[in-house]
């Protein structure tokens, strides 16, 4: 599978989302969309109608990260709309296995996210039901936060669990990812990287995506 980069539009100009997507299309693997409901996290962002419009405006597959209450009810709608990957938070899901199976049935990759303080070990048995495990490397809710190195041991443990399971589960990290931090996350075992502020704060988002990929690939190769 290799390294994958998923730029987050959370910190892009929300009035120009199609342009933000086009700016990274040549180099990114996914377009990451953070959906927040001001209940599960203290922030309100965009929702399903905007995602539906964005899907029509980009050639990139869309990776939806749902930081919302009651994902059992709302997450399937994103899969039905055409999102390539839909990630729910285990802290908010009532029936994560049933939800993951429903997302897969609807044609999306099923992802499960954990907050920084949520341990990964209790969910080892769920790995066969998942396509991706997302470990937050900041507290979810706002872009631009500094990377939490304290999460790196959990990333390493998650990589060990995935390798033990032997499946094709992707290990995604989200929060504070930049050219300065991506190598540490990759060395710990992550293979899918979400970056928002680092990508869209500068004048050349595609160049940042390339730098992220180069750093992650170098760290992964060094640890192989």
Protein backbone atom coordinates (compact mmCIF):
# COMPACT_ATOMS: atom_id res chain seq x y z
CA UNK A 1 0.00 0.00 0.00
CA UNK A 2 2.81 2.43 0.82
CA UNK A 3 2.61 5.92 2.27
CA UNK A 4 -0.55 7.93 1.68
CA UNK A 5 -1.12 11.65 2.24
CA UNK A 6 -4.59 13.00 2.97
CA UNK A 7 -4.68 16.83 3.13
CA UNK A 8 -7.39 18.18 5.42
CA UNK A 9 -9.49 21.07 4.17
CA UNK A 10 -10.34 22.10 7.75
CA UNK A 11 -7.91 25.02 7.57
CA UNK A 12 -8.46 25.83 3.90
CA UNK A 13 -10.66 28.71 2.72
CA UNK A 14 -14.11 27.17 3.17
CA UNK A 15 -15.53 29.53 0.55
CA UNK A 16 -13.14 28.06 -2.04
CA UNK A 17 -13.13 24.35 -1.30
CA UNK A 18 -13.03 23.26 -4.93
CA UNK A 19 -9.87 25.33 -5.42
CA UNK A 20 -8.37 23.91 -2.22
CA UNK A 21 -8.99 20.39 -3.52
CA UNK A 22 -7.55 21.21 -6.95
CA UNK A 23 -4.38 22.61 -5.34
CA UNK A 24 -3.41 19.18 -4.01
CA UNK A 25 -4.96 16.87 -6.62
CA UNK A 26 -1.76 16.11 -8.52
CA UNK A 27 0.07 14.88 -5.43
CA UNK A 28 -2.37 13.81 -2.70
CA UNK A 29 -3.96 10.38 -2.32
CA UNK A 30 -7.11 11.50 -0.50
CA UNK A 31 -8.94 14.66 0.47
CA UNK A 32 -9.67 14.64 4.21
CA UNK A 33 -12.90 16.25 5.43
CA UNK A 34 -13.41 16.90 9.15
CA UNK A 35 -17.08 16.86 10.13
CA UNK A 36 -17.77 18.32 13.59
CA UNK A 37 -21.13 18.82 15.29
CA UNK A 38 -20.30 21.08 18.27
CA UNK A 39 -21.36 18.25 20.59
CA UNK A 40 -18.77 15.49 20.39
CA UNK A 41 -16.14 18.22 19.94
CA UNK A 42 -16.41 21.96 20.73
CA UNK A 43 -16.44 23.10 17.12
CA UNK A 44 -18.90 23.19 14.24
CA UNK A 45 -17.71 22.64 10.70
CA UNK A 46 -19.29 21.39 7.50
CA UNK A 47 -21.70 18.50 7.04
CA UNK A 48 -23.18 16.15 4.50
CA UNK A 49 -24.51 18.74 1.99
CA UNK A 50 -21.06 20.29 1.63
CA UNK A 51 -19.45 16.86 1.30
CA UNK A 52 -21.94 15.99 -1.45
CA UNK A 53 -20.99 19.17 -3.33
CA UNK A 54 -17.28 18.57 -2.81
CA UNK A 55 -17.54 15.06 -4.21
CA UNK A 56 -18.71 16.59 -7.48
CA UNK A 57 -15.82 19.06 -7.55
CA UNK A 58 -12.79 16.84 -7.01
CA UNK A 59 -11.26 13.79 -8.61
CA UNK A 60 -9.68 12.78 -5.30
CA UNK A 61 -11.41 10.17 -3.16
CA UNK A 62 -12.86 11.80 -0.06
CA UNK A 63 -11.87 10.65 3.42
CA UNK A 64 -14.54 11.75 5.93
CA UNK A 65 -13.62 11.93 9.61
CA UNK A 66 -16.79 12.23 11.66
CA UNK A 67 -16.24 13.91 15.03
CA UNK A 68 -19.93 13.72 15.88
CA UNK A 69 -22.38 12.22 18.31
CA UNK A 70 -24.45 9.24 17.19
CA UNK A 71 -22.35 8.19 14.18
CA UNK A 72 -24.42 4.98 14.04
CA UNK A 73 -27.23 7.16 12.69
CA UNK A 74 -25.33 9.66 10.58
CA UNK A 75 -22.22 7.95 9.20
CA UNK A 76 -23.96 5.74 6.61
CA UNK A 77 -25.19 8.84 4.80
CA UNK A 78 -21.62 9.82 3.96
CA UNK A 79 -20.97 6.39 2.49
CA UNK A 80 -24.18 6.59 0.50
CA UNK A 81 -23.11 9.99 -0.83
CA UNK A 82 -19.93 8.46 -2.24
CA UNK A 83 -17.21 9.08 0.32
CA UNK A 84 -14.40 6.61 -0.25
CA UNK A 85 -13.61 6.31 3.44
CA UNK A 86 -15.77 7.09 6.48
CA UNK A 87 -14.24 7.17 9.97
CA UNK A 88 -16.27 7.28 13.17
CA UNK A 89 -15.07 7.72 16.75
CA UNK A 90 -15.29 4.63 18.92
CA UNK A 91 -16.00 6.89 21.90
CA UNK A 92 -19.27 7.97 20.24
CA UNK A 93 -20.40 4.77 18.51
CA UNK A 94 -23.02 2.55 20.14
CA UNK A 95 -22.36 -0.50 17.95
CA UNK A 96 -19.00 -0.08 16.18
CA UNK A 97 -18.93 -3.50 14.57
CA UNK A 98 -22.41 -3.11 13.11
CA UNK A 99 -21.56 0.39 11.91
CA UNK A 100 -18.29 -0.70 10.28
CA UNK A 101 -20.10 -3.49 8.47
CA UNK A 102 -22.77 -1.09 7.27
CA UNK A 103 -20.17 1.34 5.91
CA UNK A 104 -18.49 -1.48 4.04
CA UNK A 105 -21.81 -2.71 2.70
CA UNK A 106 -22.43 0.75 1.30
CA UNK A 107 -19.09 0.73 -0.51
CA UNK A 108 -16.90 2.85 1.76
CA UNK A 109 -13.79 1.93 3.65
CA UNK A 110 -14.63 1.69 7.36
CA UNK A 111 -12.39 3.63 9.71
CA UNK A 112 -12.42 3.88 13.50
CA UNK A 113 -10.83 6.80 15.34
CA UNK A 114 -9.46 7.04 18.88
CA UNK A 115 -8.80 10.18 20.89
CA UNK A 116 -5.28 10.57 22.33
CA UNK A 117 -6.23 9.19 25.76
CA UNK A 118 -8.25 6.24 24.44
CA UNK A 119 -6.18 3.02 24.62
CA UNK A 120 -5.93 0.90 21.49
CA UNK A 121 -5.56 -2.55 23.07
CA UNK A 122 -9.25 -3.07 23.96
CA UNK A 123 -10.13 -2.84 20.26
CA UNK A 124 -7.73 -5.42 18.86
CA UNK A 125 -10.58 -7.84 18.21
CA UNK A 126 -12.33 -5.21 16.05
CA UNK A 127 -9.46 -4.94 13.57
CA UNK A 128 -10.91 -7.55 11.16
CA UNK A 129 -13.99 -5.34 10.85
CA UNK A 130 -11.98 -2.24 9.90
CA UNK A 131 -10.13 -0.89 6.90
CA UNK A 132 -8.41 1.89 8.81
CA UNK A 133 -7.52 2.80 12.38
CA UNK A 134 -7.13 6.54 13.04
CA UNK A 135 -5.12 7.67 16.05
CA UNK A 136 -5.57 11.33 16.89
CA UNK A 137 -2.27 13.06 17.58
CA UNK A 138 -4.06 16.14 18.97
CA UNK A 139 -7.28 16.52 20.90
CA UNK A 140 -9.99 16.55 18.22
CA UNK A 141 -11.86 19.74 17.51
CA UNK A 142 -9.54 22.35 16.06
CA UNK A 143 -6.83 22.56 13.43
CA UNK A 144 -3.42 24.06 14.03
CA UNK A 145 -2.66 22.28 17.30
CA UNK A 146 0.87 21.02 18.08
CA UNK A 147 1.66 17.35 17.58
CA UNK A 148 1.41 15.24 20.75
CA UNK A 149 4.52 13.07 20.95
CA UNK A 150 2.90 11.27 23.89
CA UNK A 151 0.75 9.41 21.34
CA UNK A 152 3.74 7.86 19.55
CA UNK A 153 3.98 4.82 21.86
CA UNK A 154 0.32 4.12 21.10
CA UNK A 155 1.06 4.35 17.38
CA UNK A 156 3.80 1.75 17.86
CA UNK A 157 1.50 -0.55 19.81
CA UNK A 158 -1.21 -0.15 17.17
CA UNK A 159 1.26 -1.10 14.45
CA UNK A 160 2.18 -4.23 16.42
CA UNK A 161 -1.49 -5.17 16.80
CA UNK A 162 -2.16 -4.64 13.10
CA UNK A 163 0.88 -6.68 12.13
CA UNK A 164 -0.20 -9.44 14.51
CA UNK A 165 -3.68 -9.47 13.01
CA UNK A 166 -2.11 -9.69 9.57
CA UNK A 167 -4.80 -7.78 7.72
CA UNK A 168 -4.69 -4.79 5.40
CA UNK A 169 -5.70 -2.22 8.01
CA UNK A 170 -4.28 1.24 7.35
CA UNK A 171 -2.90 3.19 10.32
CA UNK A 172 -3.73 6.87 10.02
CA UNK A 173 -2.53 9.76 12.20
CA UNK A 174 -4.24 13.14 12.31
CA UNK A 175 -3.19 16.28 14.16
CA UNK A 176 -0.08 18.43 14.05
CA UNK A 177 1.33 16.53 11.07
CA UNK A 178 3.91 18.60 9.20
CA UNK A 179 7.27 18.06 7.49
CA UNK A 180 8.77 18.49 10.97
CA UNK A 181 6.71 15.73 12.61
CA UNK A 182 5.78 13.29 9.85
CA UNK A 183 9.02 11.32 10.13
CA UNK A 184 8.41 10.56 13.82
CA UNK A 185 4.90 9.35 13.08
CA UNK A 186 6.08 7.22 10.15
CA UNK A 187 8.91 5.72 12.18
CA UNK A 188 6.34 4.70 14.79
CA UNK A 189 4.39 2.78 12.15
CA UNK A 190 1.75 5.10 10.67
CA UNK A 191 1.21 4.88 6.92
CA UNK A 192 -1.61 7.39 6.25
CA UNK A 193 -1.03 11.02 7.22
CA UNK A 194 -3.58 13.81 7.58
CA UNK A 195 -2.20 17.36 7.42
CA UNK A 196 -4.22 20.55 7.30
CA UNK A 197 -2.48 23.69 8.54
CA UNK A 198 0.90 22.59 7.22
CA UNK A 199 -0.54 22.10 3.74
CA UNK A 200 -2.79 25.10 3.38
CA UNK A 201 -0.86 27.75 5.33
CA UNK A 202 1.64 28.27 2.53
CA UNK A 203 1.47 29.31 -1.09
CA UNK A 204 2.17 25.86 -2.58
CA UNK A 205 0.05 23.14 -0.93
CA UNK A 206 1.18 20.51 -3.44
CA UNK A 207 4.83 21.10 -2.54
CA UNK A 208 4.03 20.48 1.12
CA UNK A 209 2.26 17.24 0.20
CA UNK A 210 5.37 16.12 -1.66
CA UNK A 211 7.57 17.03 1.31
CA UNK A 212 5.32 15.07 3.66
CA UNK A 213 5.47 12.02 1.41
CA UNK A 214 9.25 12.22 1.07
CA UNK A 215 9.74 12.51 4.83
CA UNK A 216 7.37 9.65 5.63
CA UNK A 217 8.84 7.37 2.99
CA UNK A 218 12.38 8.04 4.21
CA UNK A 219 11.44 7.27 7.81
CA UNK A 220 9.52 4.14 6.83
CA UNK A 221 12.43 2.88 4.74
CA UNK A 222 14.90 3.52 7.57
CA UNK A 223 12.78 1.47 9.92
CA UNK A 224 12.12 -1.40 7.52
